[in-house]
PDB file of all heavy atoms in Angstrom:
ATOM      1  N   ALA A   1       3.882  29.987   9.392  1.00  0.00           N
ATOM      2  CA  ALA A   1       3.508  30.053   7.999  1.00  0.00           C
ATOM      3  C   ALA A   1       4.257  28.960   7.236  1.00  0.00           C
ATOM      4  O   ALA A   1       5.290  28.518   7.687  1.00  0.00           O
ATOM      5  CB  ALA A   1       3.772  31.455   7.489  1.00  0.00           C
ATOM      6  N   HIS A   2       3.685  28.590   6.102  1.00  0.00           N
ATOM      7  CA  HIS A   2       4.405  27.491   5.263  1.00  0.00           C
ATOM      8  C   HIS A   2       5.747  27.984   4.803  1.00  0.00           C
ATOM      9  O   HIS A   2       5.935  29.184   4.510  1.00  0.00           O
ATOM     10  CB  HIS A   2       3.503  27.238   4.110  1.00  0.00           C
ATOM     11  CG  HIS A   2       3.828  25.913   3.482  1.00  0.00           C
ATOM     12  ND1 HIS A   2       4.915  25.706   2.712  1.00  0.00           N
ATOM     13  CD2 HIS A   2       3.142  24.681   3.471  1.00  0.00           C
ATOM     14  CE1 HIS A   2       4.932  24.437   2.286  1.00  0.00           C
ATOM     15  NE2 HIS A   2       3.834  23.783   2.766  1.00  0.00           N
ATOM     16  N   GLY A   3       6.698  27.121   4.784  1.00  0.00           N
ATOM     17  CA  GLY A   3       8.073  27.520   4.402  1.00  0.00           C
ATOM     18  C   GLY A   3       8.189  28.083   2.990  1.00  0.00           C
ATOM     19  O   GLY A   3       9.094  28.895   2.728  1.00  0.00           O
ATOM     20  N   SER A   4       7.282  27.720   2.132  1.00  0.00           N
ATOM     21  CA  SER A   4       7.315  28.236   0.706  1.00  0.00           C
ATOM     22  C   SER A   4       6.251  29.299   0.505  1.00  0.00           C
ATOM     23  O   SER A   4       5.758  29.436  -0.588  1.00  0.00           O
ATOM     24  CB  SER A   4       7.117  27.115  -0.257  1.00  0.00           C
ATOM     25  OG  SER A   4       5.871  26.412   0.013  1.00  0.00           O
ATOM     26  N   SER A   5       5.875  29.961   1.539  1.00  0.00           N
ATOM     27  CA  SER A   5       4.837  30.973   1.499  1.00  0.00           C
ATOM     28  C   SER A   5       5.087  32.080   0.490  1.00  0.00           C
ATOM     29  O   SER A   5       6.275  32.608   0.437  1.00  0.00           O
ATOM     30  CB  SER A   5       4.582  31.609   2.852  1.00  0.00           C
ATOM     31  OG  SER A   5       3.999  30.673   3.773  1.00  0.00           O
ATOM     32  N   ASN A   6       4.108  32.433  -0.321  1.00  0.00           N
ATOM     33  CA  ASN A   6       4.205  33.581  -1.205  1.00  0.00           C
ATOM     34  C   ASN A   6       3.534  34.804  -0.528  1.00  0.00           C
ATOM     35  O   ASN A   6       3.068  34.687   0.612  1.00  0.00           O
ATOM     36  CB  ASN A   6       3.571  33.323  -2.599  1.00  0.00           C
ATOM     37  CG  ASN A   6       2.190  32.832  -2.490  1.00  0.00           C
ATOM     38  OD1 ASN A   6       1.463  33.074  -1.419  1.00  0.00           O
ATOM     39  ND2 ASN A   6       1.656  32.127  -3.449  1.00  0.00           N
ATOM     40  N   ALA A   7       3.447  35.886  -1.216  1.00  0.00           N
ATOM     41  CA  ALA A   7       2.805  37.112  -0.565  1.00  0.00           C
ATOM     42  C   ALA A   7       1.373  36.867  -0.188  1.00  0.00           C
ATOM     43  O   ALA A   7       0.955  37.284   0.843  1.00  0.00           O
ATOM     44  CB  ALA A   7       2.862  38.261  -1.603  1.00  0.00           C
ATOM     45  N   HIS A   8       0.642  36.089  -1.016  1.00  0.00           N
ATOM     46  CA  HIS A   8      -0.763  35.771  -0.674  1.00  0.00           C
ATOM     47  C   HIS A   8      -0.844  34.939   0.633  1.00  0.00           C
ATOM     48  O   HIS A   8      -1.755  35.169   1.462  1.00  0.00           O
ATOM     49  CB  HIS A   8      -1.462  35.059  -1.797  1.00  0.00           C
ATOM     50  CG  HIS A   8      -2.815  34.639  -1.507  1.00  0.00           C
ATOM     51  ND1 HIS A   8      -3.868  35.489  -1.278  1.00  0.00           N
ATOM     52  CD2 HIS A   8      -3.350  33.350  -1.409  1.00  0.00           C
ATOM     53  CE1 HIS A   8      -4.956  34.814  -1.001  1.00  0.00           C
ATOM     54  NE2 HIS A   8      -4.702  33.540  -1.098  1.00  0.00           N
ATOM     55  N   ALA A   9       0.016  33.992   0.755  1.00  0.00           N
ATOM     56  CA  ALA A   9       0.037  33.086   1.939  1.00  0.00           C
ATOM     57  C   ALA A   9       0.324  33.917   3.202  1.00  0.00           C
ATOM     58  O   ALA A   9      -0.279  33.673   4.244  1.00  0.00           O
ATOM     59  CB  ALA A   9       1.059  32.028   1.816  1.00  0.00           C
ATOM     60  N   ILE A  10       1.269  34.868   3.140  1.00  0.00           N
ATOM     61  CA  ILE A  10       1.587  35.636   4.295  1.00  0.00           C
ATOM     62  C   ILE A  10       0.367  36.623   4.610  1.00  0.00           C
ATOM     63  O   ILE A  10       0.048  36.824   5.770  1.00  0.00           O
ATOM     64  CB  ILE A  10       2.811  36.562   3.984  1.00  0.00           C
ATOM     65  CG1 ILE A  10       4.074  35.587   3.832  1.00  0.00           C
ATOM     66  CG2 ILE A  10       3.091  37.537   5.171  1.00  0.00           C
ATOM     67  CD1 ILE A  10       4.375  34.778   5.098  1.00  0.00           C
ATOM     68  N   GLU A  11      -0.258  37.146   3.539  1.00  0.00           N
ATOM     69  CA  GLU A  11      -1.358  38.031   3.781  1.00  0.00           C
ATOM     70  C   GLU A  11      -2.544  37.290   4.436  1.00  0.00           C
ATOM     71  O   GLU A  11      -3.159  37.773   5.442  1.00  0.00           O
ATOM     72  CB  GLU A  11      -1.944  38.543   2.387  1.00  0.00           C
ATOM     73  CG  GLU A  11      -3.168  39.376   2.475  1.00  0.00           C
ATOM     74  CD  GLU A  11      -3.775  39.661   1.171  1.00  0.00           C
ATOM     75  OE1 GLU A  11      -3.441  38.993   0.197  1.00  0.00           O
ATOM     76  OE2 GLU A  11      -4.636  40.600   1.073  1.00  0.00           O
ATOM     77  N   THR A  12      -2.797  35.990   4.034  1.00  0.00           N
ATOM     78  CA  THR A  12      -3.786  35.225   4.696  1.00  0.00           C
ATOM     79  C   THR A  12      -3.498  34.873   6.111  1.00  0.00           C
ATOM     80  O   THR A  12      -4.352  34.890   6.973  1.00  0.00           O
ATOM     81  CB  THR A  12      -3.993  33.865   3.882  1.00  0.00           C
ATOM     82  OG1 THR A  12      -4.214  34.138   2.483  1.00  0.00           O
ATOM     83  CG2 THR A  12      -5.112  33.049   4.415  1.00  0.00           C
ATOM     84  N   THR A  13      -2.192  34.658   6.347  1.00  0.00           N
ATOM     85  CA  THR A  13      -1.762  34.304   7.711  1.00  0.00           C
ATOM     86  C   THR A  13      -1.842  35.504   8.650  1.00  0.00           C
ATOM     87  O   THR A  13      -2.310  35.407   9.811  1.00  0.00           O
ATOM     88  CB  THR A  13      -0.318  33.847   7.756  1.00  0.00           C
ATOM     89  OG1 THR A  13      -0.186  32.689   6.820  1.00  0.00           O
ATOM     90  CG2 THR A  13       0.130  33.321   9.130  1.00  0.00           C
ATOM     91  N   VAL A  14      -1.559  36.682   8.104  1.00  0.00           N
ATOM     92  CA  VAL A  14      -1.700  37.929   8.873  1.00  0.00           C
ATOM     93  C   VAL A  14      -3.196  38.143   9.244  1.00  0.00           C
ATOM     94  O   VAL A  14      -3.528  38.431  10.427  1.00  0.00           O
ATOM     95  CB  VAL A  14      -1.209  39.194   8.062  1.00  0.00           C
ATOM     96  CG1 VAL A  14      -1.560  40.409   8.820  1.00  0.00           C
ATOM     97  CG2 VAL A  14       0.354  39.075   8.012  1.00  0.00           C
ATOM     98  N   ALA A  15      -4.058  37.959   8.292  1.00  0.00           N
ATOM     99  CA  ALA A  15      -5.486  38.102   8.588  1.00  0.00           C
ATOM    100  C   ALA A  15      -5.966  37.036   9.617  1.00  0.00           C
ATOM    101  O   ALA A  15      -6.871  37.339  10.519  1.00  0.00           O
ATOM    102  CB  ALA A  15      -6.302  37.896   7.306  1.00  0.00           C
ATOM    103  N   GLN A  16      -5.435  35.863   9.514  1.00  0.00           N
ATOM    104  CA  GLN A  16      -5.716  34.745  10.524  1.00  0.00           C
ATOM    105  C   GLN A  16      -5.335  35.202  11.898  1.00  0.00           C
ATOM    106  O   GLN A  16      -6.138  35.055  12.864  1.00  0.00           O
ATOM    107  CB  GLN A  16      -5.020  33.515  10.086  1.00  0.00           C
ATOM    108  CG  GLN A  16      -5.124  32.373  11.079  1.00  0.00           C
ATOM    109  CD  GLN A  16      -4.116  31.274  10.767  1.00  0.00           C
ATOM    110  OE1 GLN A  16      -3.129  31.465  10.023  1.00  0.00           O
ATOM    111  NE2 GLN A  16      -4.291  30.113  11.369  1.00  0.00           N
ATOM    112  N   VAL A  17      -4.111  35.733  12.017  1.00  0.00           N
ATOM    113  CA  VAL A  17      -3.618  36.155  13.331  1.00  0.00           C
ATOM    114  C   VAL A  17      -4.388  37.289  13.891  1.00  0.00           C
ATOM    115  O   VAL A  17      -4.648  37.310  15.119  1.00  0.00           O
ATOM    116  CB  VAL A  17      -2.100  36.469  13.199  1.00  0.00           C
ATOM    117  CG1 VAL A  17      -1.613  37.119  14.501  1.00  0.00           C
ATOM    118  CG2 VAL A  17      -1.274  35.229  12.953  1.00  0.00           C
ATOM    119  N   ILE A  18      -4.775  38.238  13.014  1.00  0.00           N
ATOM    120  CA  ILE A  18      -5.659  39.346  13.520  1.00  0.00           C
ATOM    121  C   ILE A  18      -6.937  38.831  14.124  1.00  0.00           C
ATOM    122  O   ILE A  18      -7.377  39.263  15.143  1.00  0.00           O
ATOM    123  CB  ILE A  18      -5.898  40.322  12.348  1.00  0.00           C
ATOM    124  CG1 ILE A  18      -4.617  41.090  11.968  1.00  0.00           C
ATOM    125  CG2 ILE A  18      -6.936  41.355  12.774  1.00  0.00           C
ATOM    126  CD1 ILE A  18      -4.736  41.952  10.791  1.00  0.00           C
ATOM    127  N   ALA A  19      -7.551  37.852  13.373  1.00  0.00           N
ATOM    128  CA  ALA A  19      -8.754  37.263  13.897  1.00  0.00           C
ATOM    129  C   ALA A  19      -8.552  36.504  15.232  1.00  0.00           C
ATOM    130  O   ALA A  19      -9.423  36.545  16.096  1.00  0.00           O
ATOM    131  CB  ALA A  19      -9.331  36.266  12.900  1.00  0.00           C
ATOM    132  N   MET A  20      -7.355  35.894  15.352  1.00  0.00           N
ATOM    133  CA  MET A  20      -7.077  35.219  16.631  1.00  0.00           C
ATOM    134  C   MET A  20      -6.913  36.162  17.783  1.00  0.00           C
ATOM    135  O   MET A  20      -7.402  35.903  18.880  1.00  0.00           O
ATOM    136  CB  MET A  20      -5.744  34.407  16.458  1.00  0.00           C
ATOM    137  CG  MET A  20      -5.854  33.225  15.543  1.00  0.00           C
ATOM    138  SD  MET A  20      -4.215  32.373  15.240  1.00  0.00           S
ATOM    139  CE  MET A  20      -3.941  31.719  16.932  1.00  0.00           C
ATOM    140  N   VAL A  21      -6.224  37.269  17.525  1.00  0.00           N
ATOM    141  CA  VAL A  21      -5.990  38.246  18.611  1.00  0.00           C
ATOM    142  C   VAL A  21      -7.329  38.941  18.990  1.00  0.00           C
ATOM    143  O   VAL A  21      -7.686  39.087  20.148  1.00  0.00           O
ATOM    144  CB  VAL A  21      -4.970  39.344  18.200  1.00  0.00           C
ATOM    145  CG1 VAL A  21      -4.890  40.424  19.169  1.00  0.00           C
ATOM    146  CG2 VAL A  21      -3.636  38.667  18.012  1.00  0.00           C
ATOM    147  N   GLU A  22      -8.126  39.384  17.928  1.00  0.00           N
ATOM    148  CA  GLU A  22      -9.338  39.978  18.167  1.00  0.00           C
ATOM    149  C   GLU A  22     -10.382  39.002  18.885  1.00  0.00           C
ATOM    150  O   GLU A  22     -11.233  39.460  19.614  1.00  0.00           O
ATOM    151  CB  GLU A  22      -9.971  40.532  16.908  1.00  0.00           C
ATOM    152  CG  GLU A  22      -9.133  41.732  16.366  1.00  0.00           C
ATOM    153  CD  GLU A  22      -9.731  42.277  15.047  1.00  0.00           C
ATOM    154  OE1 GLU A  22     -10.557  41.593  14.421  1.00  0.00           O
ATOM    155  OE2 GLU A  22      -9.353  43.424  14.656  1.00  0.00           O
ATOM    156  N   GLY A  23     -10.234  37.793  18.523  1.00  0.00           N
ATOM    157  CA  GLY A  23     -11.114  36.764  19.099  1.00  0.00           C
ATOM    158  C   GLY A  23     -10.636  36.244  20.466  1.00  0.00           C
ATOM    159  O   GLY A  23     -11.366  35.480  21.102  1.00  0.00           O
ATOM    160  N   ASN A  24      -9.534  36.816  20.947  1.00  0.00           N
ATOM    161  CA  ASN A  24      -8.997  36.519  22.277  1.00  0.00           C
ATOM    162  C   ASN A  24      -8.837  34.997  22.508  1.00  0.00           C
ATOM    163  O   ASN A  24      -9.377  34.396  23.488  1.00  0.00           O
ATOM    164  CB  ASN A  24      -9.960  37.055  23.421  1.00  0.00           C
ATOM    165  CG  ASN A  24      -9.365  36.901  24.787  1.00  0.00           C
ATOM    166  OD1 ASN A  24      -8.141  36.856  24.951  1.00  0.00           O
ATOM    167  ND2 ASN A  24     -10.232  36.898  25.804  1.00  0.00           N
ATOM    168  N   ILE A  25      -8.077  34.396  21.555  1.00  0.00           N
ATOM    169  CA  ILE A  25      -7.914  32.890  21.622  1.00  0.00           C
ATOM    170  C   ILE A  25      -7.264  32.464  22.944  1.00  0.00           C
ATOM    171  O   ILE A  25      -7.759  31.477  23.569  1.00  0.00           O
ATOM    172  CB  ILE A  25      -6.969  32.463  20.438  1.00  0.00           C
ATOM    173  CG1 ILE A  25      -7.748  32.643  19.123  1.00  0.00           C
ATOM    174  CG2 ILE A  25      -6.633  31.002  20.578  1.00  0.00           C
ATOM    175  CD1 ILE A  25      -8.987  31.886  19.025  1.00  0.00           C
ATOM    176  N   ILE A  26      -6.261  33.156  23.354  1.00  0.00           N
ATOM    177  CA  ILE A  26      -5.575  32.779  24.626  1.00  0.00           C
ATOM    178  C   ILE A  26      -6.565  32.807  25.837  1.00  0.00           C
ATOM    179  O   ILE A  26      -6.586  31.857  26.611  1.00  0.00           O
ATOM    180  CB  ILE A  26      -4.382  33.695  24.906  1.00  0.00           C
ATOM    181  CG1 ILE A  26      -3.380  33.685  23.708  1.00  0.00           C
ATOM    182  CG2 ILE A  26      -3.653  33.276  26.213  1.00  0.00           C
ATOM    183  CD1 ILE A  26      -2.810  32.354  23.455  1.00  0.00           C
ATOM    184  N   GLY A  27      -7.345  33.887  25.875  1.00  0.00           N
ATOM    185  CA  GLY A  27      -8.307  34.034  26.927  1.00  0.00           C
ATOM    186  C   GLY A  27      -9.397  32.871  26.904  1.00  0.00           C
ATOM    187  O   GLY A  27      -9.746  32.357  27.930  1.00  0.00           O
ATOM    188  N   LYS A  28      -9.869  32.540  25.723  1.00  0.00           N
ATOM    189  CA  LYS A  28     -10.919  31.525  25.572  1.00  0.00           C
ATOM    190  C   LYS A  28     -10.342  30.105  25.964  1.00  0.00           C
ATOM    191  O   LYS A  28     -11.082  29.334  26.502  1.00  0.00           O
ATOM    192  CB  LYS A  28     -11.405  31.562  24.154  1.00  0.00           C
ATOM    193  CG  LYS A  28     -12.415  32.699  23.916  1.00  0.00           C
ATOM    194  CD  LYS A  28     -13.021  32.622  22.546  1.00  0.00           C
ATOM    195  CE  LYS A  28     -14.233  33.592  22.453  1.00  0.00           C
ATOM    196  NZ  LYS A  28     -13.904  34.973  22.810  1.00  0.00           N
ATOM    197  N   ILE A  29      -9.109  29.892  25.606  1.00  0.00           N
ATOM    198  CA  ILE A  29      -8.511  28.626  26.021  1.00  0.00           C
ATOM    199  C   ILE A  29      -8.371  28.529  27.478  1.00  0.00           C
ATOM    200  O   ILE A  29      -8.625  27.492  28.137  1.00  0.00           O
ATOM    201  CB  ILE A  29      -7.131  28.401  25.316  1.00  0.00           C
ATOM    202  CG1 ILE A  29      -7.326  28.239  23.803  1.00  0.00           C
ATOM    203  CG2 ILE A  29      -6.362  27.157  25.925  1.00  0.00           C
ATOM    204  CD1 ILE A  29      -6.016  28.098  23.026  1.00  0.00           C
ATOM    205  N   ASN A  30      -7.969  29.646  28.095  1.00  0.00           N
ATOM    206  CA  ASN A  30      -7.830  29.702  29.544  1.00  0.00           C
ATOM    207  C   ASN A  30      -9.217  29.445  30.237  1.00  0.00           C
ATOM    208  O   ASN A  30      -9.265  28.777  31.260  1.00  0.00           O
ATOM    209  CB  ASN A  30      -7.284  31.030  30.042  1.00  0.00           C
ATOM    210  CG  ASN A  30      -5.709  31.045  29.999  1.00  0.00           C
ATOM    211  OD1 ASN A  30      -5.120  30.102  30.411  1.00  0.00           O
ATOM    212  ND2 ASN A  30      -5.152  32.137  29.574  1.00  0.00           N
ATOM    213  N   GLU A  31     -10.242  30.056  29.670  1.00  0.00           N
ATOM    214  CA  GLU A  31     -11.584  29.903  30.267  1.00  0.00           C
ATOM    215  C   GLU A  31     -11.985  28.383  30.200  1.00  0.00           C
ATOM    216  O   GLU A  31     -12.616  27.865  31.156  1.00  0.00           O
ATOM    217  CB  GLU A  31     -12.575  30.729  29.434  1.00  0.00           C
ATOM    218  CG  GLU A  31     -12.444  32.244  29.717  1.00  0.00           C
ATOM    219  CD  GLU A  31     -13.354  33.046  28.799  1.00  0.00           C
ATOM    220  OE1 GLU A  31     -14.157  32.478  28.099  1.00  0.00           O
ATOM    221  OE2 GLU A  31     -13.172  34.307  28.779  1.00  0.00           O
ATOM    222  N   SER A  32     -11.742  27.810  29.010  1.00  0.00           N
ATOM    223  CA  SER A  32     -12.091  26.413  28.820  1.00  0.00           C
ATOM    224  C   SER A  32     -11.326  25.540  29.810  1.00  0.00           C
ATOM    225  O   SER A  32     -11.938  24.605  30.422  1.00  0.00           O
ATOM    226  CB  SER A  32     -11.782  25.997  27.408  1.00  0.00           C
ATOM    227  OG  SER A  32     -12.209  24.657  27.185  1.00  0.00           O
ATOM    228  N   LEU A  33     -10.057  25.856  29.991  1.00  0.00           N
ATOM    229  CA  LEU A  33      -9.264  25.020  31.011  1.00  0.00           C
ATOM    230  C   LEU A  33      -9.768  25.195  32.387  1.00  0.00           C
ATOM    231  O   LEU A  33      -9.873  24.222  33.181  1.00  0.00           O
ATOM    232  CB  LEU A  33      -7.826  25.509  30.901  1.00  0.00           C
ATOM    233  CG  LEU A  33      -6.994  25.085  29.665  1.00  0.00           C
ATOM    234  CD1 LEU A  33      -5.666  25.802  29.692  1.00  0.00           C
ATOM    235  CD2 LEU A  33      -6.818  23.588  29.626  1.00  0.00           C
TER     236      LEU A  33
END
């Protein structure tokens, strides 16, 4: 997260990470490799 993150920035990052986990990013990168 950005070094000067406010509450909204952290909230957005948490939502981003949830989408990454639910989207199985690690698995999809492995599949592509």
